Amino acid sequence: KPVPFGATATLAGNMAQASGGIVGDNGRVYLSGMPPAGHVKVKWGNGANQQCTTRYQVSSDTPGQLVQADAVCL
């Protein structure tokens, strides 16, 4: 089930270079300036059941390119 429209998505861990975005239709979010691997935290409320984290990893041979990936909240 997609996370709710309007949820916030941020790159977890490195707050000095935090990349963030808003979740749009069908749970889609666009983030830029991300390292090749890491975790994204998605939050749509203050409760423990209103946030999740997902791990991502993209190929290092695609720098600067738009990469589309499906993710599952952990």
PDB file of N, CA and C in Angstrom:
ATOM      1  N   LYS A   1       0.849  -1.173   0.000  1.00  0.00           N
ATOM      2  CA  LYS A   1       0.000   0.000   0.000  1.00  0.00           C
ATOM      3  C   LYS A   1       0.897   1.238   0.000  1.00  0.00           C
ATOM      4  N   PRO A   2       0.678   2.194  -0.893  1.00  0.00           N
ATOM      5  CA  PRO A   2       1.524   3.395  -0.944  1.00  0.00           C
ATOM      6  C   PRO A   2       1.382   4.244   0.317  1.00  0.00           C
ATOM      7  N   VAL A   3       2.466   4.929   0.676  1.00  0.00           N
ATOM      8  CA  VAL A   3       2.379   5.871   1.792  1.00  0.00           C
ATOM      9  C   VAL A   3       1.506   7.046   1.355  1.00  0.00           C
ATOM     10  N   PRO A   4       0.912   7.765   2.307  1.00  0.00           N
ATOM     11  CA  PRO A   4      -0.050   8.807   1.969  1.00  0.00           C
ATOM     12  C   PRO A   4       0.535  10.004   1.215  1.00  0.00           C
ATOM     13  N   PHE A   5      -0.289  10.572   0.354  1.00  0.00           N
ATOM     14  CA  PHE A   5       0.033  11.806  -0.352  1.00  0.00           C
ATOM     15  C   PHE A   5       0.359  12.884   0.680  1.00  0.00           C
ATOM     16  N   GLY A   6       1.423  13.635   0.466  1.00  0.00           N
ATOM     17  CA  GLY A   6       1.799  14.713   1.370  1.00  0.00           C
ATOM     18  C   GLY A   6       2.774  14.322   2.461  1.00  0.00           C
ATOM     19  N   ALA A   7       3.076  13.031   2.590  1.00  0.00           N
ATOM     20  CA  ALA A   7       4.066  12.599   3.575  1.00  0.00           C
ATOM     21  C   ALA A   7       5.420  13.214   3.218  1.00  0.00           C
ATOM     22  N   THR A   8       6.285  13.377   4.206  1.00  0.00           N
ATOM     23  CA  THR A   8       7.618  13.910   3.942  1.00  0.00           C
ATOM     24  C   THR A   8       8.615  12.767   3.838  1.00  0.00           C
ATOM     25  N   ALA A   9       9.563  12.912   2.937  1.00  0.00           N
ATOM     26  CA  ALA A   9      10.609  11.908   2.747  1.00  0.00           C
ATOM     27  C   ALA A   9      11.954  12.606   2.872  1.00  0.00           C
ATOM     28  N   THR A  10      12.832  12.072   3.714  1.00  0.00           N
ATOM     29  CA  THR A  10      14.154  12.653   3.901  1.00  0.00           C
ATOM     30  C   THR A  10      15.214  11.568   3.877  1.00  0.00           C
ATOM     31  N   LEU A  11      16.396  11.953   3.449  1.00  0.00           N
ATOM     32  CA  LEU A  11      17.534  11.049   3.462  1.00  0.00           C
ATOM     33  C   LEU A  11      17.966  10.891   4.907  1.00  0.00           C
ATOM     34  N   ALA A  12      17.945   9.687   5.418  1.00  0.00           N
ATOM     35  CA  ALA A  12      18.243   9.432   6.830  1.00  0.00           C
ATOM     36  C   ALA A  12      19.743   9.403   7.082  1.00  0.00           C
ATOM     37  N   GLY A  13      20.138   9.902   8.240  1.00  0.00           N
ATOM     38  CA  GLY A  13      21.514   9.756   8.680  1.00  0.00           C
ATOM     39  C   GLY A  13      22.393  10.970   8.516  1.00  0.00           C
ATOM     40  N   ASN A  14      22.429  11.586   7.355  1.00  0.00           N
ATOM     41  CA  ASN A  14      23.337  12.701   7.117  1.00  0.00           C
ATOM     42  C   ASN A  14      22.552  13.997   7.059  1.00  0.00           C
ATOM     43  N   MET A  15      22.260  14.572   8.217  1.00  0.00           N
ATOM     44  CA  MET A  15      21.441  15.777   8.262  1.00  0.00           C
ATOM     45  C   MET A  15      22.161  16.994   7.694  1.00  0.00           C
ATOM     46  N   ALA A  16      23.491  16.972   7.622  1.00  0.00           N
ATOM     47  CA  ALA A  16      24.231  18.105   7.071  1.00  0.00           C
ATOM     48  C   ALA A  16      23.947  18.276   5.585  1.00  0.00           C
ATOM     49  N   GLN A  17      23.656  17.193   4.901  1.00  0.00           N
ATOM     50  CA  GLN A  17      23.376  17.252   3.472  1.00  0.00           C
ATOM     51  C   GLN A  17      22.010  16.634   3.191  1.00  0.00           C
ATOM     52  N   ALA A  18      21.059  16.925   4.050  1.00  0.00           N
ATOM     53  CA  ALA A  18      19.743  16.294   3.944  1.00  0.00           C
ATOM     54  C   ALA A  18      19.055  16.653   2.640  1.00  0.00           C
ATOM     55  N   SER A  19      18.566  15.643   1.975  1.00  0.00           N
ATOM     56  CA  SER A  19      17.753  15.798   0.786  1.00  0.00           C
ATOM     57  C   SER A  19      16.340  15.424   1.194  1.00  0.00           C
ATOM     58  N   GLY A  20      15.371  16.182   0.755  1.00  0.00           N
ATOM     59  CA  GLY A  20      14.010  15.880   1.167  1.00  0.00           C
ATOM     60  C   GLY A  20      13.015  16.122   0.063  1.00  0.00           C
ATOM     61  N   GLY A  21      11.824  15.593   0.256  1.00  0.00           N
ATOM     62  CA  GLY A  21      10.765  15.755  -0.719  1.00  0.00           C
ATOM     63  C   GLY A  21       9.420  15.432  -0.110  1.00  0.00           C
ATOM     64  N   ILE A  22       8.402  15.664  -0.889  1.00  0.00           N
ATOM     65  CA  ILE A  22       7.026  15.387  -0.490  1.00  0.00           C
ATOM     66  C   ILE A  22       6.515  14.229  -1.334  1.00  0.00           C
ATOM     67  N   VAL A  23       5.834  13.299  -0.703  1.00  0.00           N
ATOM     68  CA  VAL A  23       5.269  12.157  -1.416  1.00  0.00           C
ATOM     69  C   VAL A  23       4.070  12.625  -2.233  1.00  0.00           C
ATOM     70  N   GLY A  24       4.049  12.226  -3.497  1.00  0.00           N
ATOM     71  CA  GLY A  24       2.962  12.596  -4.390  1.00  0.00           C
ATOM     72  C   GLY A  24       2.011  11.438  -4.636  1.00  0.00           C
ATOM     73  N   ASP A  25       1.338  11.495  -5.772  1.00  0.00           N
ATOM     74  CA  ASP A  25       0.377  10.460  -6.142  1.00  0.00           C
ATOM     75  C   ASP A  25       1.018   9.077  -6.149  1.00  0.00           C
ATOM     76  N   ASN A  26       0.267   8.103  -5.717  1.00  0.00           N
ATOM     77  CA  ASN A  26       0.684   6.696  -5.718  1.00  0.00           C
ATOM     78  C   ASN A  26       1.969   6.439  -4.943  1.00  0.00           C
ATOM     79  N   GLY A  27       2.269   7.271  -3.940  1.00  0.00           N
ATOM     80  CA  GLY A  27       3.437   7.050  -3.104  1.00  0.00           C
ATOM     81  C   GLY A  27       4.756   7.411  -3.745  1.00  0.00           C
ATOM     82  N   ARG A  28       4.745   8.189  -4.815  1.00  0.00           N
ATOM     83  CA  ARG A  28       5.981   8.545  -5.515  1.00  0.00           C
ATOM     84  C   ARG A  28       6.635   9.763  -4.887  1.00  0.00           C
ATOM     85  N   VAL A  29       7.959   9.695  -4.808  1.00  0.00           N
ATOM     86  CA  VAL A  29       8.730  10.830  -4.307  1.00  0.00           C
ATOM     87  C   VAL A  29       9.980  10.973  -5.173  1.00  0.00           C
ATOM     88  N   TYR A  30      10.369  12.203  -5.425  1.00  0.00           N
ATOM     89  CA  TYR A  30      11.574  12.488  -6.194  1.00  0.00           C
ATOM     90  C   TYR A  30      12.574  13.154  -5.265  1.00  0.00           C
ATOM     91  N   LEU A  31      13.775  12.594  -5.196  1.00  0.00           N
ATOM     92  CA  LEU A  31      14.842  13.132  -4.365  1.00  0.00           C
ATOM     93  C   LEU A  31      16.066  13.340  -5.241  1.00  0.00           C
ATOM     94  N   SER A  32      16.854  14.364  -4.935  1.00  0.00           N
ATOM     95  CA  SER A  32      18.059  14.625  -5.723  1.00  0.00           C
ATOM     96  C   SER A  32      19.277  14.703  -4.815  1.00  0.00           C
ATOM     97  N   GLY A  33      20.451  14.586  -5.419  1.00  0.00           N
ATOM     98  CA  GLY A  33      21.697  14.693  -4.682  1.00  0.00           C
ATOM     99  C   GLY A  33      21.936  13.577  -3.691  1.00  0.00           C
ATOM    100  N   MET A  34      21.423  12.414  -3.991  1.00  0.00           N
ATOM    101  CA  MET A  34      21.535  11.295  -3.055  1.00  0.00           C
ATOM    102  C   MET A  34      22.785  10.470  -3.335  1.00  0.00           C
ATOM    103  N   PRO A  35      23.402   9.925  -2.273  1.00  0.00           N
ATOM    104  CA  PRO A  35      24.530   9.019  -2.483  1.00  0.00           C
ATOM    105  C   PRO A  35      24.038   7.704  -3.092  1.00  0.00           C
ATOM    106  N   PRO A  36      24.952   6.870  -3.571  1.00  0.00           N
ATOM    107  CA  PRO A  36      24.550   5.618  -4.227  1.00  0.00           C
ATOM    108  C   PRO A  36      23.766   4.647  -3.345  1.00  0.00           C
ATOM    109  N   ALA A  37      23.884   4.770  -2.035  1.00  0.00           N
ATOM    110  CA  ALA A  37      23.154   3.871  -1.137  1.00  0.00           C
ATOM    111  C   ALA A  37      22.834   4.604   0.156  1.00  0.00           C
ATOM    112  N   GLY A  38      21.760   4.186   0.793  1.00  0.00           N
ATOM    113  CA  GLY A  38      21.385   4.791   2.066  1.00  0.00           C
ATOM    114  C   GLY A  38      19.978   4.404   2.468  1.00  0.00           C
ATOM    115  N   HIS A  39      19.407   5.218   3.343  1.00  0.00           N
ATOM    116  CA  HIS A  39      18.057   4.986   3.852  1.00  0.00           C
ATOM    117  C   HIS A  39      17.230   6.251   3.683  1.00  0.00           C
ATOM    118  N   VAL A  40      15.977   6.082   3.344  1.00  0.00           N
ATOM    119  CA  VAL A  40      15.035   7.192   3.238  1.00  0.00           C
ATOM    120  C   VAL A  40      13.978   6.996   4.314  1.00  0.00           C
ATOM    121  N   LYS A  41      13.732   8.046   5.083  1.00  0.00           N
ATOM    122  CA  LYS A  41      12.697   8.005   6.121  1.00  0.00           C
ATOM    123  C   LYS A  41      11.473   8.745   5.601  1.00  0.00           C
ATOM    124  N   VAL A  42      10.318   8.108   5.711  1.00  0.00           N
ATOM    125  CA  VAL A  42       9.050   8.702   5.281  1.00  0.00           C
ATOM    126  C   VAL A  42       8.166   8.851   6.511  1.00  0.00           C
ATOM    127  N   LYS A  43       7.565  10.042   6.642  1.00  0.00           N
ATOM    128  CA  LYS A  43       6.768  10.329   7.835  1.00  0.00           C
ATOM    129  C   LYS A  43       5.492  11.053   7.431  1.00  0.00           C
ATOM    130  N   TRP A  44       4.340  10.599   7.948  1.00  0.00           N
ATOM    131  CA  TRP A  44       3.062  11.236   7.646  1.00  0.00           C
ATOM    132  C   TRP A  44       2.263  11.532   8.909  1.00  0.00           C
ATOM    133  N   GLY A  45       2.934  11.480  10.054  1.00  0.00           N
ATOM    134  CA  GLY A  45       2.311  11.771  11.346  1.00  0.00           C
ATOM    135  C   GLY A  45       3.336  11.590  12.442  1.00  0.00           C
ATOM    136  N   ASN A  46       2.912  11.742  13.691  1.00  0.00           N
ATOM    137  CA  ASN A  46       3.840  11.630  14.814  1.00  0.00           C
ATOM    138  C   ASN A  46       3.882  10.246  15.447  1.00  0.00           C
ATOM    139  N   GLY A  47       2.932   9.391  15.132  1.00  0.00           N
ATOM    140  CA  GLY A  47       2.882   8.057  15.719  1.00  0.00           C
ATOM    141  C   GLY A  47       3.910   7.115  15.119  1.00  0.00           C
ATOM    142  N   ALA A  48       4.273   6.097  15.885  1.00  0.00           N
ATOM    143  CA  ALA A  48       5.227   5.094  15.405  1.00  0.00           C
ATOM    144  C   ALA A  48       4.709   4.373  14.168  1.00  0.00           C
ATOM    145  N   ASN A  49       3.380   4.279  14.035  1.00  0.00           N
ATOM    146  CA  ASN A  49       2.790   3.613  12.867  1.00  0.00           C
ATOM    147  C   ASN A  49       2.541   4.587  11.715  1.00  0.00           C
ATOM    148  N   GLN A  50       3.085   5.797  11.824  1.00  0.00           N
ATOM    149  CA  GLN A  50       2.926   6.803  10.775  1.00  0.00           C
ATOM    150  C   GLN A  50       4.274   7.232  10.211  1.00  0.00           C
ATOM    151  N   GLN A  51       5.217   6.316  10.223  1.00  0.00           N
ATOM    152  CA  GLN A  51       6.528   6.571   9.652  1.00  0.00           C
ATOM    153  C   GLN A  51       7.200   5.245   9.330  1.00  0.00           C
ATOM    154  N   CYS A  52       8.117   5.298   8.410  1.00  0.00           N
ATOM    155  CA  CYS A  52       8.865   4.092   8.075  1.00  0.00           C
ATOM    156  C   CYS A  52      10.174   4.489   7.411  1.00  0.00           C
ATOM    157  N   THR A  53      11.049   3.524   7.298  1.00  0.00           N
ATOM    158  CA  THR A  53      12.342   3.727   6.656  1.00  0.00           C
ATOM    159  C   THR A  53      12.511   2.653   5.597  1.00  0.00           C
ATOM    160  N   THR A  54      13.122   3.038   4.500  1.00  0.00           N
ATOM    161  CA  THR A  54      13.415   2.061   3.459  1.00  0.00           C
ATOM    162  C   THR A  54      14.870   2.211   3.030  1.00  0.00           C
ATOM    163  N   ARG A  55      15.471   1.121   2.664  1.00  0.00           N
ATOM    164  CA  ARG A  55      16.855   1.107   2.211  1.00  0.00           C
ATOM    165  C   ARG A  55      16.859   1.146   0.692  1.00  0.00           C
ATOM    166  N   TYR A  56      17.834   1.865   0.135  1.00  0.00           N
ATOM    167  CA  TYR A  56      17.958   1.898  -1.322  1.00  0.00           C
ATOM    168  C   TYR A  56      19.421   1.739  -1.709  1.00  0.00           C
ATOM    169  N   GLN A  57      19.642   1.279  -2.922  1.00  0.00           N
ATOM    170  CA  GLN A  57      20.979   1.193  -3.501  1.00  0.00           C
ATOM    171  C   GLN A  57      20.822   1.284  -5.009  1.00  0.00           C
ATOM    172  N   VAL A  58      21.580   2.183  -5.614  1.00  0.00           N
ATOM    173  CA  VAL A  58      21.541   2.326  -7.069  1.00  0.00           C
ATOM    174  C   VAL A  58      22.925   2.029  -7.626  1.00  0.00           C
ATOM    175  N   SER A  59      22.959   1.687  -8.874  1.00  0.00           N
ATOM    176  CA  SER A  59      24.217   1.366  -9.531  1.00  0.00           C
ATOM    177  C   SER A  59      25.102   2.607  -9.592  1.00  0.00           C
ATOM    178  N   SER A  60      26.382   2.440  -9.339  1.00  0.00           N
ATOM    179  CA  SER A  60      27.308   3.575  -9.375  1.00  0.00           C
ATOM    180  C   SER A  60      27.622   4.013 -10.800  1.00  0.00           C
ATOM    181  N   ASP A  61      27.161   3.274 -11.801  1.00  0.00           N
ATOM    182  CA  ASP A  61      27.420   3.673 -13.188  1.00  0.00           C
ATOM    183  C   ASP A  61      26.288   4.522 -13.767  1.00  0.00           C
ATOM    184  N   THR A  62      25.429   5.075 -12.913  1.00  0.00           N
ATOM    185  CA  THR A  62      24.331   5.929 -13.379  1.00  0.00           C
ATOM    186  C   THR A  62      24.359   7.317 -12.734  1.00  0.00           C
ATOM    187  N   PRO A  63      25.542   7.919 -12.509  1.00  0.00           N
ATOM    188  CA  PRO A  63      25.561   9.230 -11.847  1.00  0.00           C
ATOM    189  C   PRO A  63      24.857  10.286 -12.691  1.00  0.00           C
ATOM    190  N   GLY A  64      24.078  11.120 -12.033  1.00  0.00           N
ATOM    191  CA  GLY A  64      23.394  12.202 -12.724  1.00  0.00           C
ATOM    192  C   GLY A  64      22.163  11.791 -13.500  1.00  0.00           C
ATOM    193  N   GLN A  65      21.843  10.523 -13.524  1.00  0.00           N
ATOM    194  CA  GLN A  65      20.683  10.050 -14.271  1.00  0.00           C
ATOM    195  C   GLN A  65      19.494   9.860 -13.339  1.00  0.00           C
ATOM    196  N   LEU A  66      18.313   9.973 -13.911  1.00  0.00           N
ATOM    197  CA  LEU A  66      17.096   9.701 -13.156  1.00  0.00           C
ATOM    198  C   LEU A  66      16.980   8.192 -12.972  1.00  0.00           C
ATOM    199  N   VAL A  67      16.850   7.770 -11.738  1.00  0.00           N
ATOM    200  CA  VAL A  67      16.731   6.348 -11.420  1.00  0.00           C
ATOM    201  C   VAL A  67      15.381   6.131 -10.760  1.00  0.00           C
ATOM    202  N   GLN A  68      14.643   5.170 -11.251  1.00  0.00           N
ATOM    203  CA  GLN A  68      13.339   4.837 -10.676  1.00  0.00           C
ATOM    204  C   GLN A  68      13.457   3.512  -9.945  1.00  0.00           C
ATOM    205  N   ALA A  69      12.921   3.479  -8.728  1.00  0.00           N
ATOM    206  CA  ALA A  69      13.004   2.252  -7.942  1.00  0.00           C
ATOM    207  C   ALA A  69      11.758   2.096  -7.089  1.00  0.00           C
ATOM    208  N   ASP A  70      11.370   0.866  -6.855  1.00  0.00           N
ATOM    209  CA  ASP A  70      10.293   0.564  -5.918  1.00  0.00           C
ATOM    210  C   ASP A  70      10.937   0.267  -4.570  1.00  0.00           C
ATOM    211  N   ALA A  71      10.269   0.669  -3.511  1.00  0.00           N
ATOM    212  CA  ALA A  71      10.805   0.430  -2.174  1.00  0.00           C
ATOM    213  C   ALA A  71       9.693  -0.039  -1.255  1.00  0.00           C
ATOM    214  N   VAL A  72      10.072  -0.815  -0.255  1.00  0.00           N
ATOM    215  CA  VAL A  72       9.133  -1.316   0.740  1.00  0.00           C
ATOM    216  C   VAL A  72       9.553  -0.761   2.091  1.00  0.00           C
ATOM    217  N   CYS A  73       8.600  -0.201   2.812  1.00  0.00           N
ATOM    218  CA  CYS A  73       8.892   0.342   4.142  1.00  0.00           C
ATOM    219  C   CYS A  73       9.231  -0.776   5.107  1.00  0.00           C
ATOM    220  N   LEU A  74      10.232  -0.535   5.927  1.00  0.00           N
ATOM    221  CA  LEU A  74      10.666  -1.505   6.927  1.00  0.00           C
ATOM    222  C   LEU A  74      10.096  -1.147   8.283  1.00  0.00           C
TER     223      LEU A  74
END
